[in-house]
Amino acid sequence: INKDELFDIEITFENIINTGYKMFYNIDIIEEIDFSNFDLSFITNTEKMFYGMKKLKNIIGFNSIKTSNIKSMQQMFYQCINLNFNKMGFSSIEIDNTISTSEMFYGCKGLKKIKINHLKIN
């Protein structure tokens, strides 16, 4: 794919079974992803979902992703150095049922502050 010719990609989630594992792994040409029209409540694994997306600046509709069912968020935003968490409305995330968040925000220079309201450690 010539990245100068890449304008829009449409993805359907009909064949994805409970996982976003490596969904956009190391795709370094995408600057914005729009999840605003999708029901992603069935996803239980977002491990390495946006891993290495160094040009990604925004995820539209991120707050509509139901995170309470997710078991692993390990390295979810690993090296997303340009992602603007404030722009995408990253205000809350449910991790009550999450088992692993290891290196979730590793290398995320655009993340300045995280507010955690509820944290259960079992």
N, C-alpha and C. Protein backbone atom coordinates (compact mmCIF):
# COMPACT_ATOMS: atom_id res chain seq x y z
N ILE A 1 0.86 -1.19 0.00
CA ILE A 1 0.00 0.00 0.00
C ILE A 1 0.89 1.23 0.00
N ASN A 2 0.62 2.12 -0.92
CA ASN A 2 1.30 3.40 -0.94
C ASN A 2 0.57 4.31 0.04
N LYS A 3 1.24 4.74 1.09
CA LYS A 3 0.56 5.49 2.14
C LYS A 3 0.02 6.84 1.66
N ASP A 4 0.53 7.35 0.53
CA ASP A 4 0.00 8.59 -0.02
C ASP A 4 -1.35 8.38 -0.68
N GLU A 5 -1.65 7.14 -1.04
CA GLU A 5 -2.93 6.81 -1.66
C GLU A 5 -3.95 6.29 -0.65
N LEU A 6 -3.56 6.12 0.58
CA LEU A 6 -4.42 5.56 1.62
C LEU A 6 -5.26 6.66 2.25
N PHE A 7 -6.57 6.59 2.07
CA PHE A 7 -7.44 7.62 2.61
C PHE A 7 -8.36 7.08 3.70
N ASP A 8 -9.00 5.96 3.43
CA ASP A 8 -9.99 5.46 4.35
C ASP A 8 -9.99 3.94 4.31
N ILE A 9 -10.06 3.34 5.47
CA ILE A 9 -10.13 1.88 5.57
C ILE A 9 -11.38 1.55 6.36
N GLU A 10 -12.17 0.62 5.86
CA GLU A 10 -13.37 0.20 6.57
C GLU A 10 -13.13 -1.19 7.12
N ILE A 11 -13.38 -1.35 8.42
CA ILE A 11 -13.18 -2.63 9.08
C ILE A 11 -14.50 -3.07 9.68
N THR A 12 -14.87 -4.32 9.44
CA THR A 12 -16.06 -4.87 10.09
C THR A 12 -15.59 -5.84 11.16
N PHE A 13 -16.36 -5.96 12.22
CA PHE A 13 -15.98 -6.79 13.36
C PHE A 13 -16.79 -8.07 13.43
N GLU A 14 -17.36 -8.50 12.30
CA GLU A 14 -18.21 -9.69 12.28
C GLU A 14 -17.46 -10.97 12.61
N ASN A 15 -16.21 -11.07 12.20
CA ASN A 15 -15.46 -12.31 12.38
C ASN A 15 -14.48 -12.28 13.55
N ILE A 16 -14.50 -11.22 14.31
CA ILE A 16 -13.62 -11.12 15.47
C ILE A 16 -14.31 -11.76 16.66
N ILE A 17 -13.66 -12.69 17.30
CA ILE A 17 -14.26 -13.39 18.44
C ILE A 17 -13.55 -12.96 19.71
N ASN A 18 -14.14 -12.07 20.45
CA ASN A 18 -13.69 -11.64 21.78
C ASN A 18 -12.30 -11.04 21.85
N THR A 19 -11.70 -10.65 20.74
CA THR A 19 -10.34 -10.16 20.85
C THR A 19 -10.05 -9.01 19.91
N GLY A 20 -9.21 -8.11 20.41
CA GLY A 20 -8.65 -7.05 19.59
C GLY A 20 -7.15 -7.22 19.56
N TYR A 21 -6.68 -8.40 19.95
CA TYR A 21 -5.26 -8.71 20.07
C TYR A 21 -4.53 -8.38 18.77
N LYS A 22 -3.53 -7.48 18.88
CA LYS A 22 -2.69 -7.06 17.75
C LYS A 22 -3.51 -6.55 16.56
N MET A 23 -4.67 -5.99 16.79
CA MET A 23 -5.56 -5.56 15.71
C MET A 23 -4.88 -4.56 14.76
N PHE A 24 -4.17 -3.59 15.32
CA PHE A 24 -3.49 -2.59 14.51
C PHE A 24 -1.97 -2.63 14.77
N TYR A 25 -1.47 -3.75 15.13
CA TYR A 25 -0.08 -3.94 15.55
C TYR A 25 0.93 -3.37 14.54
N ASN A 26 1.73 -2.41 14.99
CA ASN A 26 2.82 -1.81 14.22
C ASN A 26 2.41 -1.18 12.89
N ILE A 27 1.16 -0.79 12.74
CA ILE A 27 0.74 -0.05 11.55
C ILE A 27 1.10 1.41 11.81
N ASP A 28 2.13 1.87 11.16
CA ASP A 28 2.65 3.20 11.49
C ASP A 28 2.27 4.28 10.48
N ILE A 29 1.19 4.06 9.71
CA ILE A 29 0.75 5.09 8.77
C ILE A 29 -0.60 5.69 9.16
N ILE A 30 -1.31 5.09 10.10
CA ILE A 30 -2.63 5.56 10.49
C ILE A 30 -2.50 6.66 11.56
N GLU A 31 -3.18 7.78 11.34
CA GLU A 31 -3.15 8.90 12.29
C GLU A 31 -4.40 8.98 13.13
N GLU A 32 -5.51 8.41 12.66
CA GLU A 32 -6.77 8.49 13.40
C GLU A 32 -7.62 7.25 13.15
N ILE A 33 -8.25 6.76 14.22
CA ILE A 33 -9.15 5.61 14.14
C ILE A 33 -10.48 6.05 14.72
N ASP A 34 -11.57 5.67 14.06
CA ASP A 34 -12.91 6.06 14.51
C ASP A 34 -13.70 4.82 14.92
N PHE A 35 -13.95 4.68 16.22
CA PHE A 35 -14.74 3.58 16.76
C PHE A 35 -16.14 4.04 17.17
N SER A 36 -16.53 5.25 16.80
CA SER A 36 -17.77 5.84 17.32
C SER A 36 -19.03 5.09 16.91
N ASN A 37 -19.01 4.32 15.83
CA ASN A 37 -20.21 3.61 15.38
C ASN A 37 -20.16 2.11 15.62
N PHE A 38 -19.28 1.66 16.49
CA PHE A 38 -19.11 0.23 16.71
C PHE A 38 -19.46 -0.17 18.13
N ASP A 39 -20.05 -1.36 18.26
CA ASP A 39 -20.27 -1.97 19.56
C ASP A 39 -19.11 -2.93 19.79
N LEU A 40 -18.21 -2.56 20.67
CA LEU A 40 -17.05 -3.41 20.95
C LEU A 40 -17.15 -4.03 22.34
N SER A 41 -18.35 -4.14 22.86
CA SER A 41 -18.55 -4.66 24.21
C SER A 41 -18.16 -6.13 24.34
N PHE A 42 -18.06 -6.85 23.23
CA PHE A 42 -17.73 -8.28 23.25
C PHE A 42 -16.24 -8.53 23.40
N ILE A 43 -15.41 -7.50 23.23
CA ILE A 43 -13.96 -7.69 23.26
C ILE A 43 -13.48 -7.91 24.69
N THR A 44 -12.70 -8.96 24.91
CA THR A 44 -12.16 -9.26 26.23
C THR A 44 -10.63 -9.14 26.29
N ASN A 45 -10.02 -8.91 25.12
CA ASN A 45 -8.56 -8.80 25.08
C ASN A 45 -8.16 -7.67 24.13
N THR A 46 -7.49 -6.65 24.67
CA THR A 46 -6.99 -5.55 23.84
C THR A 46 -5.46 -5.49 23.89
N GLU A 47 -4.86 -6.62 24.23
CA GLU A 47 -3.40 -6.69 24.32
C GLU A 47 -2.77 -6.33 22.98
N LYS A 48 -1.84 -5.38 23.01
CA LYS A 48 -1.09 -4.90 21.83
C LYS A 48 -2.00 -4.39 20.72
N MET A 49 -3.20 -3.96 21.04
CA MET A 49 -4.17 -3.52 20.04
C MET A 49 -3.65 -2.37 19.18
N PHE A 50 -3.01 -1.39 19.81
CA PHE A 50 -2.47 -0.23 19.10
C PHE A 50 -0.95 -0.17 19.19
N TYR A 51 -0.33 -1.25 19.50
CA TYR A 51 1.10 -1.36 19.74
C TYR A 51 1.90 -0.80 18.55
N GLY A 52 2.82 0.10 18.84
CA GLY A 52 3.74 0.61 17.84
C GLY A 52 3.16 1.55 16.81
N MET A 53 1.96 2.06 17.03
CA MET A 53 1.34 2.99 16.10
C MET A 53 1.87 4.40 16.37
N LYS A 54 3.05 4.65 15.92
CA LYS A 54 3.76 5.88 16.27
C LYS A 54 3.16 7.13 15.66
N LYS A 55 2.38 7.01 14.60
CA LYS A 55 1.75 8.19 13.98
C LYS A 55 0.31 8.41 14.45
N LEU A 56 -0.23 7.47 15.21
CA LEU A 56 -1.60 7.59 15.70
C LEU A 56 -1.73 8.79 16.64
N LYS A 57 -2.66 9.70 16.30
CA LYS A 57 -2.86 10.91 17.10
C LYS A 57 -4.17 10.90 17.86
N ASN A 58 -5.18 10.20 17.33
CA ASN A 58 -6.50 10.26 17.95
C ASN A 58 -7.27 8.97 17.72
N ILE A 59 -8.06 8.58 18.73
CA ILE A 59 -8.99 7.47 18.61
C ILE A 59 -10.37 8.03 18.93
N ILE A 60 -11.15 8.28 17.88
CA ILE A 60 -12.50 8.83 18.06
C ILE A 60 -13.40 7.74 18.62
N GLY A 61 -14.21 8.09 19.60
CA GLY A 61 -15.14 7.13 20.18
C GLY A 61 -14.52 6.15 21.15
N PHE A 62 -13.31 6.43 21.60
CA PHE A 62 -12.65 5.49 22.52
C PHE A 62 -13.47 5.30 23.79
N ASN A 63 -14.09 6.36 24.28
CA ASN A 63 -14.88 6.24 25.52
C ASN A 63 -16.12 5.38 25.35
N SER A 64 -16.50 5.08 24.10
CA SER A 64 -17.65 4.20 23.89
C SER A 64 -17.26 2.73 23.98
N ILE A 65 -15.96 2.44 24.04
CA ILE A 65 -15.52 1.05 24.18
C ILE A 65 -15.75 0.61 25.62
N LYS A 66 -16.54 -0.44 25.78
CA LYS A 66 -16.84 -0.96 27.11
C LYS A 66 -15.62 -1.75 27.59
N THR A 67 -14.92 -1.18 28.55
CA THR A 67 -13.67 -1.80 29.01
C THR A 67 -13.87 -2.74 30.21
N SER A 68 -15.06 -2.79 30.76
CA SER A 68 -15.27 -3.61 31.96
C SER A 68 -15.14 -5.11 31.71
N ASN A 69 -15.25 -5.55 30.46
CA ASN A 69 -15.11 -6.97 30.13
C ASN A 69 -13.69 -7.37 29.75
N ILE A 70 -12.81 -6.41 29.63
CA ILE A 70 -11.47 -6.68 29.13
C ILE A 70 -10.59 -7.29 30.22
N LYS A 71 -9.99 -8.43 29.93
CA LYS A 71 -9.12 -9.13 30.87
C LYS A 71 -7.67 -8.70 30.74
N SER A 72 -7.22 -8.42 29.51
CA SER A 72 -5.83 -8.01 29.30
C SER A 72 -5.76 -6.74 28.46
N MET A 73 -5.06 -5.74 29.02
CA MET A 73 -4.77 -4.49 28.31
C MET A 73 -3.26 -4.32 28.19
N GLN A 74 -2.55 -5.42 28.31
CA GLN A 74 -1.10 -5.40 28.30
C GLN A 74 -0.58 -4.79 27.00
N GLN A 75 0.30 -3.81 27.11
CA GLN A 75 0.94 -3.12 25.99
C GLN A 75 -0.08 -2.57 24.98
N MET A 76 -1.24 -2.20 25.43
CA MET A 76 -2.32 -1.74 24.55
C MET A 76 -1.91 -0.51 23.71
N PHE A 77 -1.26 0.46 24.36
CA PHE A 77 -0.84 1.69 23.67
C PHE A 77 0.69 1.80 23.59
N TYR A 78 1.39 0.72 23.65
CA TYR A 78 2.84 0.67 23.68
C TYR A 78 3.43 1.48 22.52
N GLN A 79 4.28 2.45 22.85
CA GLN A 79 4.97 3.31 21.88
C GLN A 79 4.04 4.13 20.98
N CYS A 80 2.84 4.44 21.47
CA CYS A 80 1.97 5.37 20.74
C CYS A 80 2.40 6.78 21.12
N ILE A 81 3.52 7.20 20.58
CA ILE A 81 4.20 8.42 21.05
C ILE A 81 3.46 9.70 20.69
N ASN A 82 2.58 9.68 19.70
CA ASN A 82 1.86 10.90 19.29
C ASN A 82 0.39 10.91 19.69
N LEU A 83 -0.05 9.86 20.36
CA LEU A 83 -1.47 9.77 20.74
C LEU A 83 -1.80 10.83 21.77
N ASN A 84 -2.82 11.64 21.47
CA ASN A 84 -3.26 12.71 22.35
C ASN A 84 -4.43 12.20 23.19
N PHE A 85 -4.14 11.75 24.39
CA PHE A 85 -5.16 11.15 25.25
C PHE A 85 -6.23 12.17 25.67
N ASN A 86 -5.87 13.44 25.79
CA ASN A 86 -6.86 14.47 26.12
C ASN A 86 -7.84 14.67 24.98
N LYS A 87 -7.35 14.70 23.75
CA LYS A 87 -8.20 14.90 22.58
C LYS A 87 -9.20 13.77 22.42
N MET A 88 -8.79 12.54 22.72
CA MET A 88 -9.69 11.40 22.55
C MET A 88 -10.63 11.21 23.73
N GLY A 89 -10.61 12.12 24.68
CA GLY A 89 -11.54 12.05 25.80
C GLY A 89 -11.23 10.94 26.78
N PHE A 90 -9.97 10.67 26.97
CA PHE A 90 -9.54 9.61 27.87
C PHE A 90 -9.72 10.08 29.31
N SER A 91 -10.93 9.97 29.80
CA SER A 91 -11.21 10.46 31.15
C SER A 91 -11.43 9.34 32.15
N SER A 92 -11.89 8.20 31.67
CA SER A 92 -12.10 7.10 32.59
C SER A 92 -11.95 5.77 31.86
N ILE A 93 -11.53 4.81 32.61
CA ILE A 93 -11.39 3.46 32.07
C ILE A 93 -11.64 2.48 33.21
N GLU A 94 -12.50 1.49 32.95
CA GLU A 94 -12.82 0.50 33.97
C GLU A 94 -11.83 -0.65 33.87
N ILE A 95 -11.18 -0.92 34.99
CA ILE A 95 -10.21 -2.02 35.00
C ILE A 95 -10.50 -3.02 36.13
N ASP A 96 -11.72 -2.98 36.64
CA ASP A 96 -12.08 -3.87 37.75
C ASP A 96 -11.85 -5.35 37.43
N ASN A 97 -12.12 -5.77 36.21
CA ASN A 97 -12.00 -7.18 35.83
C ASN A 97 -10.72 -7.47 35.04
N THR A 98 -9.88 -6.46 34.89
CA THR A 98 -8.67 -6.61 34.11
C THR A 98 -7.58 -7.30 34.92
N ILE A 99 -6.95 -8.29 34.33
CA ILE A 99 -5.90 -9.06 35.00
C ILE A 99 -4.53 -8.44 34.75
N SER A 100 -4.29 -7.93 33.51
CA SER A 100 -2.98 -7.39 33.19
C SER A 100 -3.07 -6.05 32.47
N THR A 101 -2.33 -5.08 33.01
CA THR A 101 -2.17 -3.78 32.36
C THR A 101 -0.69 -3.47 32.18
N SER A 102 0.13 -4.49 32.18
CA SER A 102 1.57 -4.34 32.08
C SER A 102 1.96 -3.53 30.84
N GLU A 103 2.79 -2.52 31.05
CA GLU A 103 3.30 -1.65 29.99
C GLU A 103 2.20 -1.09 29.09
N MET A 104 1.03 -0.87 29.64
CA MET A 104 -0.12 -0.39 28.87
C MET A 104 0.17 0.94 28.17
N PHE A 105 0.87 1.84 28.86
CA PHE A 105 1.16 3.16 28.31
C PHE A 105 2.65 3.39 28.07
N TYR A 106 3.42 2.35 27.93
CA TYR A 106 4.87 2.48 27.78
C TYR A 106 5.21 3.34 26.56
N GLY A 107 6.00 4.37 26.78
CA GLY A 107 6.46 5.25 25.70
C GLY A 107 5.43 6.24 25.20
N CYS A 108 4.32 6.39 25.91
CA CYS A 108 3.26 7.32 25.49
C CYS A 108 3.58 8.72 25.98
N LYS A 109 4.26 9.49 25.14
CA LYS A 109 4.66 10.84 25.52
C LYS A 109 3.49 11.80 25.60
N GLY A 110 2.37 11.48 24.96
CA GLY A 110 1.20 12.34 24.98
C GLY A 110 0.34 12.17 26.21
N LEU A 111 0.69 11.23 27.08
CA LEU A 111 -0.08 11.01 28.30
C LEU A 111 0.61 11.73 29.45
N LYS A 112 -0.06 12.74 29.96
CA LYS A 112 0.52 13.56 31.02
C LYS A 112 -0.04 13.22 32.40
N LYS A 113 -1.29 12.75 32.44
CA LYS A 113 -1.95 12.55 33.73
C LYS A 113 -3.01 11.46 33.59
N ILE A 114 -3.10 10.60 34.60
CA ILE A 114 -4.15 9.58 34.66
C ILE A 114 -4.89 9.75 35.98
N LYS A 115 -6.19 9.81 35.91
CA LYS A 115 -7.01 9.88 37.11
C LYS A 115 -7.69 8.52 37.31
N ILE A 116 -7.39 7.92 38.46
CA ILE A 116 -7.99 6.62 38.79
C ILE A 116 -8.96 6.84 39.93
N ASN A 117 -10.24 6.59 39.65
CA ASN A 117 -11.27 6.78 40.68
C ASN A 117 -11.49 5.52 41.50
N HIS A 118 -11.48 4.39 40.85
CA HIS A 118 -11.74 3.12 41.53
C HIS A 118 -10.66 2.13 41.14
N LEU A 119 -10.00 1.59 42.11
CA LEU A 119 -8.98 0.60 41.83
C LEU A 119 -9.07 -0.51 42.87
N LYS A 120 -9.37 -1.70 42.39
CA LYS A 120 -9.41 -2.86 43.26
C LYS A 120 -8.18 -3.71 42.99
N ILE A 121 -7.44 -4.02 44.01
CA ILE A 121 -6.29 -4.89 43.86
C ILE A 121 -6.58 -6.17 44.63
N ASN A 122 -6.67 -7.28 43.89
CA ASN A 122 -6.98 -8.56 44.50
C ASN A 122 -5.74 -9.40 44.61
